[in-house]
Amino acid sequence: MEFTEVIETTGKVLDGAGVAAIVIGALVGTVRFATEMARRQDFELSYRTYRRGLGRAILLGLEFLVAADIIRTVAIAPTFANVGVLALIVLVRTFLSYSLELELTGRWPWQSSTAGT
């Protein structure tokens, strides 16, 4: 197996792990939410927990997807155009990650947990 094939396979595995993290997180969260609603739990608390879990699954999936893109771009075809496309992809995914972090925790990732309280 050649180097490029190994890197391409590694990228595909990481892509799969990212998608799996999102899908499994969504399924587990949805089942938990449905179970809590069947038990007539507090809707607001259950909904917040569901959103938090789903957001964490998306964040984890995004990390895997970014890693896969970086590995493939840097190791296989580090042309200026490919690195530019990678930079845009990472920028968009980083924005999504920061937005999700703010939504989940109520603070930016660089703020201490005691800031604003």
N, C-alpha and C. Protein backbone atom coordinates (compact mmCIF):
# COMPACT_ATOMS: atom_id res chain seq x y z
N MET A 1 0.85 -1.17 0.00
CA MET A 1 0.00 0.00 0.00
C MET A 1 0.90 1.25 0.00
N GLU A 2 0.62 2.17 -0.89
CA GLU A 2 1.41 3.37 -1.01
C GLU A 2 1.03 4.40 0.05
N PHE A 3 1.90 5.37 0.22
CA PHE A 3 1.69 6.41 1.23
C PHE A 3 0.39 7.17 0.99
N THR A 4 0.13 7.55 -0.24
CA THR A 4 -1.09 8.32 -0.53
C THR A 4 -2.35 7.50 -0.24
N GLU A 5 -2.28 6.20 -0.49
CA GLU A 5 -3.43 5.34 -0.19
C GLU A 5 -3.66 5.26 1.31
N VAL A 6 -2.58 5.17 2.09
CA VAL A 6 -2.71 5.11 3.55
C VAL A 6 -3.32 6.41 4.07
N ILE A 7 -2.83 7.53 3.56
CA ILE A 7 -3.35 8.83 4.00
C ILE A 7 -4.81 8.99 3.58
N GLU A 8 -5.13 8.60 2.37
CA GLU A 8 -6.52 8.70 1.89
C GLU A 8 -7.44 7.82 2.74
N THR A 9 -6.99 6.62 3.07
CA THR A 9 -7.77 5.72 3.91
C THR A 9 -7.94 6.30 5.31
N THR A 10 -6.86 6.87 5.84
CA THR A 10 -6.94 7.50 7.16
C THR A 10 -7.95 8.64 7.15
N GLY A 11 -7.91 9.45 6.09
CA GLY A 11 -8.88 10.54 5.96
C GLY A 11 -10.31 10.04 5.91
N LYS A 12 -10.52 8.97 5.16
CA LYS A 12 -11.87 8.41 5.07
C LYS A 12 -12.34 7.84 6.41
N VAL A 13 -11.42 7.21 7.15
CA VAL A 13 -11.78 6.67 8.46
C VAL A 13 -12.16 7.80 9.41
N LEU A 14 -11.38 8.89 9.38
CA LEU A 14 -11.70 10.03 10.24
C LEU A 14 -13.01 10.69 9.81
N ASP A 15 -13.25 10.77 8.50
CA ASP A 15 -14.55 11.28 8.03
C ASP A 15 -15.68 10.42 8.56
N GLY A 16 -15.51 9.12 8.47
CA GLY A 16 -16.53 8.19 8.97
C GLY A 16 -16.74 8.34 10.47
N ALA A 17 -15.64 8.53 11.20
CA ALA A 17 -15.75 8.72 12.65
C ALA A 17 -16.50 10.01 12.97
N GLY A 18 -16.26 11.05 12.19
CA GLY A 18 -16.97 12.31 12.40
C GLY A 18 -18.46 12.19 12.16
N VAL A 19 -18.80 11.56 11.06
CA VAL A 19 -20.21 11.36 10.74
C VAL A 19 -20.86 10.44 11.77
N ALA A 20 -20.13 9.39 12.16
CA ALA A 20 -20.67 8.46 13.16
C ALA A 20 -20.90 9.16 14.50
N ALA A 21 -19.98 10.03 14.89
CA ALA A 21 -20.14 10.76 16.16
C ALA A 21 -21.41 11.60 16.14
N ILE A 22 -21.65 12.25 15.02
CA ILE A 22 -22.85 13.09 14.91
C ILE A 22 -24.12 12.24 14.90
N VAL A 23 -24.12 11.20 14.09
CA VAL A 23 -25.32 10.36 13.96
C VAL A 23 -25.61 9.62 15.26
N ILE A 24 -24.60 9.01 15.86
CA ILE A 24 -24.81 8.26 17.11
C ILE A 24 -25.24 9.21 18.22
N GLY A 25 -24.59 10.38 18.29
CA GLY A 25 -24.98 11.36 19.30
C GLY A 25 -26.41 11.80 19.14
N ALA A 26 -26.83 12.02 17.89
CA ALA A 26 -28.21 12.43 17.63
C ALA A 26 -29.19 11.31 18.00
N LEU A 27 -28.85 10.09 17.65
CA LEU A 27 -29.74 8.97 17.98
C LEU A 27 -29.86 8.76 19.48
N VAL A 28 -28.72 8.75 20.18
CA VAL A 28 -28.74 8.55 21.63
C VAL A 28 -29.51 9.68 22.31
N GLY A 29 -29.25 10.91 21.89
CA GLY A 29 -29.94 12.05 22.47
C GLY A 29 -31.44 12.00 22.23
N THR A 30 -31.82 11.60 21.03
CA THR A 30 -33.24 11.53 20.69
C THR A 30 -33.94 10.44 21.49
N VAL A 31 -33.30 9.30 21.64
CA VAL A 31 -33.89 8.21 22.42
C VAL A 31 -34.04 8.64 23.89
N ARG A 32 -32.99 9.28 24.43
CA ARG A 32 -33.09 9.77 25.81
C ARG A 32 -34.21 10.78 25.97
N PHE A 33 -34.30 11.69 25.03
CA PHE A 33 -35.34 12.72 25.10
C PHE A 33 -36.72 12.08 25.03
N ALA A 34 -36.90 11.16 24.11
CA ALA A 34 -38.19 10.48 23.97
C ALA A 34 -38.53 9.69 25.24
N THR A 35 -37.53 9.05 25.83
CA THR A 35 -37.75 8.30 27.06
C THR A 35 -38.17 9.22 28.20
N GLU A 36 -37.49 10.35 28.31
CA GLU A 36 -37.84 11.31 29.36
C GLU A 36 -39.24 11.87 29.14
N MET A 37 -39.61 12.10 27.90
CA MET A 37 -40.95 12.62 27.62
C MET A 37 -42.01 11.55 27.89
N ALA A 38 -41.69 10.29 27.64
CA ALA A 38 -42.63 9.21 27.93
C ALA A 38 -42.85 9.09 29.44
N ARG A 39 -41.82 9.41 30.21
CA ARG A 39 -41.94 9.37 31.68
C ARG A 39 -42.52 10.67 32.23
N ARG A 40 -42.87 11.56 31.32
CA ARG A 40 -43.45 12.85 31.68
C ARG A 40 -42.51 13.68 32.55
N GLN A 41 -41.24 13.70 32.16
CA GLN A 41 -40.24 14.53 32.84
C GLN A 41 -40.45 15.98 32.46
N ASP A 42 -39.77 16.86 33.15
CA ASP A 42 -39.83 18.29 32.87
C ASP A 42 -39.34 18.55 31.45
N PHE A 43 -40.20 19.15 30.61
CA PHE A 43 -39.87 19.36 29.20
C PHE A 43 -38.68 20.29 29.04
N GLU A 44 -38.66 21.41 29.74
CA GLU A 44 -37.59 22.39 29.59
C GLU A 44 -36.23 21.79 29.91
N LEU A 45 -36.13 21.09 31.02
CA LEU A 45 -34.87 20.46 31.41
C LEU A 45 -34.47 19.38 30.40
N SER A 46 -35.41 18.58 29.99
CA SER A 46 -35.13 17.52 29.01
C SER A 46 -34.69 18.10 27.68
N TYR A 47 -35.33 19.17 27.27
CA TYR A 47 -34.99 19.80 26.00
C TYR A 47 -33.59 20.41 26.05
N ARG A 48 -33.26 21.11 27.15
CA ARG A 48 -31.92 21.68 27.30
C ARG A 48 -30.86 20.59 27.30
N THR A 49 -31.13 19.49 27.98
CA THR A 49 -30.20 18.37 28.01
C THR A 49 -30.03 17.78 26.61
N TYR A 50 -31.12 17.65 25.90
CA TYR A 50 -31.10 17.12 24.53
C TYR A 50 -30.26 18.01 23.63
N ARG A 51 -30.50 19.30 23.68
CA ARG A 51 -29.74 20.25 22.85
C ARG A 51 -28.26 20.22 23.19
N ARG A 52 -27.95 20.17 24.48
CA ARG A 52 -26.55 20.14 24.91
C ARG A 52 -25.86 18.88 24.39
N GLY A 53 -26.51 17.74 24.51
CA GLY A 53 -25.93 16.49 24.02
C GLY A 53 -25.76 16.48 22.51
N LEU A 54 -26.75 17.00 21.81
CA LEU A 54 -26.67 17.07 20.35
C LEU A 54 -25.54 18.02 19.93
N GLY A 55 -25.44 19.14 20.60
CA GLY A 55 -24.36 20.09 20.30
C GLY A 55 -22.99 19.49 20.53
N ARG A 56 -22.83 18.74 21.60
CA ARG A 56 -21.54 18.09 21.88
C ARG A 56 -21.21 17.06 20.81
N ALA A 57 -22.21 16.32 20.36
CA ALA A 57 -21.98 15.33 19.30
C ALA A 57 -21.54 16.02 18.01
N ILE A 58 -22.17 17.14 17.69
CA ILE A 58 -21.79 17.88 16.49
C ILE A 58 -20.38 18.43 16.62
N LEU A 59 -20.04 18.97 17.79
CA LEU A 59 -18.68 19.48 18.01
C LEU A 59 -17.64 18.38 17.83
N LEU A 60 -17.89 17.22 18.40
CA LEU A 60 -16.96 16.11 18.26
C LEU A 60 -16.84 15.69 16.80
N GLY A 61 -17.97 15.58 16.11
CA GLY A 61 -17.94 15.23 14.70
C GLY A 61 -17.17 16.24 13.86
N LEU A 62 -17.36 17.53 14.14
CA LEU A 62 -16.63 18.57 13.42
C LEU A 62 -15.13 18.45 13.63
N GLU A 63 -14.71 18.11 14.84
CA GLU A 63 -13.27 17.94 15.11
C GLU A 63 -12.69 16.82 14.25
N PHE A 64 -13.39 15.70 14.17
CA PHE A 64 -12.93 14.60 13.33
C PHE A 64 -12.88 15.00 11.86
N LEU A 65 -13.90 15.70 11.40
CA LEU A 65 -13.95 16.09 9.99
C LEU A 65 -12.84 17.08 9.63
N VAL A 66 -12.55 18.01 10.53
CA VAL A 66 -11.45 18.95 10.30
C VAL A 66 -10.12 18.19 10.26
N ALA A 67 -9.93 17.27 11.19
CA ALA A 67 -8.69 16.49 11.20
C ALA A 67 -8.51 15.72 9.90
N ALA A 68 -9.57 15.13 9.40
CA ALA A 68 -9.50 14.39 8.14
C ALA A 68 -9.12 15.30 6.98
N ASP A 69 -9.71 16.48 6.93
CA ASP A 69 -9.39 17.43 5.85
C ASP A 69 -7.94 17.88 5.93
N ILE A 70 -7.47 18.15 7.13
CA ILE A 70 -6.09 18.59 7.29
C ILE A 70 -5.12 17.50 6.85
N ILE A 71 -5.35 16.29 7.29
CA ILE A 71 -4.45 15.19 6.93
C ILE A 71 -4.40 15.00 5.42
N ARG A 72 -5.56 14.96 4.79
CA ARG A 72 -5.58 14.75 3.34
C ARG A 72 -4.93 15.90 2.58
N THR A 73 -5.20 17.11 2.98
CA THR A 73 -4.68 18.26 2.25
C THR A 73 -3.17 18.40 2.42
N VAL A 74 -2.69 18.31 3.63
CA VAL A 74 -1.27 18.53 3.89
C VAL A 74 -0.42 17.37 3.39
N ALA A 75 -0.90 16.16 3.53
CA ALA A 75 -0.08 15.00 3.18
C ALA A 75 -0.15 14.63 1.70
N ILE A 76 -1.27 14.88 1.05
CA ILE A 76 -1.42 14.41 -0.33
C ILE A 76 -1.17 15.51 -1.35
N ALA A 77 -1.86 16.62 -1.23
CA ALA A 77 -1.77 17.66 -2.26
C ALA A 77 -1.68 19.04 -1.63
N PRO A 78 -0.51 19.41 -1.08
CA PRO A 78 -0.39 20.71 -0.42
C PRO A 78 -0.17 21.87 -1.38
N THR A 79 -1.01 21.99 -2.39
CA THR A 79 -0.91 23.12 -3.31
C THR A 79 -1.55 24.35 -2.66
N PHE A 80 -1.23 25.50 -3.18
CA PHE A 80 -1.76 26.75 -2.63
C PHE A 80 -3.29 26.76 -2.70
N ALA A 81 -3.83 26.29 -3.80
CA ALA A 81 -5.29 26.26 -3.96
C ALA A 81 -5.93 25.32 -2.95
N ASN A 82 -5.36 24.13 -2.77
CA ASN A 82 -5.91 23.16 -1.82
C ASN A 82 -5.82 23.67 -0.38
N VAL A 83 -4.70 24.30 -0.05
CA VAL A 83 -4.54 24.85 1.30
C VAL A 83 -5.52 26.01 1.51
N GLY A 84 -5.78 26.79 0.47
CA GLY A 84 -6.78 27.87 0.56
C GLY A 84 -8.17 27.33 0.81
N VAL A 85 -8.54 26.29 0.10
CA VAL A 85 -9.85 25.66 0.31
C VAL A 85 -9.92 25.08 1.72
N LEU A 86 -8.85 24.44 2.15
CA LEU A 86 -8.80 23.89 3.51
C LEU A 86 -8.97 25.00 4.54
N ALA A 87 -8.31 26.12 4.32
CA ALA A 87 -8.42 27.25 5.25
C ALA A 87 -9.86 27.73 5.36
N LEU A 88 -10.56 27.80 4.24
CA LEU A 88 -11.97 28.22 4.28
C LEU A 88 -12.83 27.20 5.01
N ILE A 89 -12.58 25.92 4.75
CA ILE A 89 -13.35 24.87 5.43
C ILE A 89 -13.11 24.93 6.93
N VAL A 90 -11.85 25.05 7.33
CA VAL A 90 -11.52 25.12 8.75
C VAL A 90 -12.12 26.38 9.38
N LEU A 91 -12.10 27.48 8.66
CA LEU A 91 -12.68 28.72 9.17
C LEU A 91 -14.17 28.56 9.43
N VAL A 92 -14.88 28.00 8.49
CA VAL A 92 -16.33 27.79 8.66
C VAL A 92 -16.61 26.83 9.81
N ARG A 93 -15.87 25.73 9.87
CA ARG A 93 -16.10 24.76 10.93
C ARG A 93 -15.69 25.31 12.29
N THR A 94 -14.66 26.13 12.34
CA THR A 94 -14.26 26.75 13.60
C THR A 94 -15.34 27.73 14.06
N PHE A 95 -15.90 28.51 13.14
CA PHE A 95 -17.00 29.40 13.49
C PHE A 95 -18.17 28.61 14.05
N LEU A 96 -18.50 27.49 13.40
CA LEU A 96 -19.59 26.65 13.90
C LEU A 96 -19.28 26.11 15.29
N SER A 97 -18.04 25.69 15.49
CA SER A 97 -17.65 25.15 16.80
C SER A 97 -17.77 26.22 17.89
N TYR A 98 -17.27 27.42 17.61
CA TYR A 98 -17.36 28.49 18.60
C TYR A 98 -18.81 28.87 18.87
N SER A 99 -19.61 28.92 17.83
CA SER A 99 -21.03 29.24 18.00
C SER A 99 -21.74 28.19 18.84
N LEU A 100 -21.44 26.94 18.59
CA LEU A 100 -22.04 25.86 19.38
C LEU A 100 -21.56 25.91 20.82
N GLU A 101 -20.29 26.18 21.02
CA GLU A 101 -19.76 26.29 22.38
C GLU A 101 -20.46 27.40 23.15
N LEU A 102 -20.64 28.54 22.51
CA LEU A 102 -21.34 29.66 23.14
C LEU A 102 -22.78 29.28 23.45
N GLU A 103 -23.41 28.59 22.54
CA GLU A 103 -24.80 28.16 22.73
C GLU A 103 -24.92 27.16 23.88
N LEU A 104 -23.95 26.24 23.98
CA LEU A 104 -24.02 25.19 25.00
C LEU A 104 -23.67 25.68 26.39
N THR A 105 -22.63 26.51 26.48
CA THR A 105 -22.12 26.88 27.80
C THR A 105 -22.46 28.30 28.21
N GLY A 106 -22.86 29.13 27.24
CA GLY A 106 -23.15 30.52 27.56
C GLY A 106 -21.91 31.39 27.64
N ARG A 107 -20.76 30.86 27.25
CA ARG A 107 -19.51 31.63 27.27
C ARG A 107 -18.63 31.19 26.12
N TRP A 108 -17.69 32.04 25.76
CA TRP A 108 -16.74 31.70 24.71
C TRP A 108 -15.71 30.71 25.24
N PRO A 109 -15.11 29.90 24.38
CA PRO A 109 -14.17 28.89 24.85
C PRO A 109 -12.99 29.47 25.64
N TRP A 110 -12.58 30.69 25.36
CA TRP A 110 -11.42 31.27 26.04
C TRP A 110 -11.78 31.95 27.35
N GLN A 111 -13.07 32.04 27.67
CA GLN A 111 -13.48 32.62 28.93
C GLN A 111 -13.45 31.58 30.02
N SER A 112 -13.06 31.99 31.23
CA SER A 112 -13.06 31.04 32.33
C SER A 112 -14.50 30.71 32.71
N SER A 113 -14.69 29.60 33.37
CA SER A 113 -16.05 29.18 33.73
C SER A 113 -16.68 30.10 34.77
N THR A 114 -15.87 30.93 35.45
CA THR A 114 -16.42 31.84 36.45
C THR A 114 -16.71 33.21 35.88
N ALA A 115 -16.32 33.45 34.60
CA ALA A 115 -16.56 34.75 33.99
C ALA A 115 -18.06 34.96 33.78
N GLY A 116 -18.53 36.10 34.12
CA GLY A 116 -19.93 36.43 33.88
C GLY A 116 -20.88 35.93 34.94
N THR A 117 -20.34 35.29 36.00
CA THR A 117 -21.23 34.82 37.08
C THR A 117 -20.98 35.56 38.34
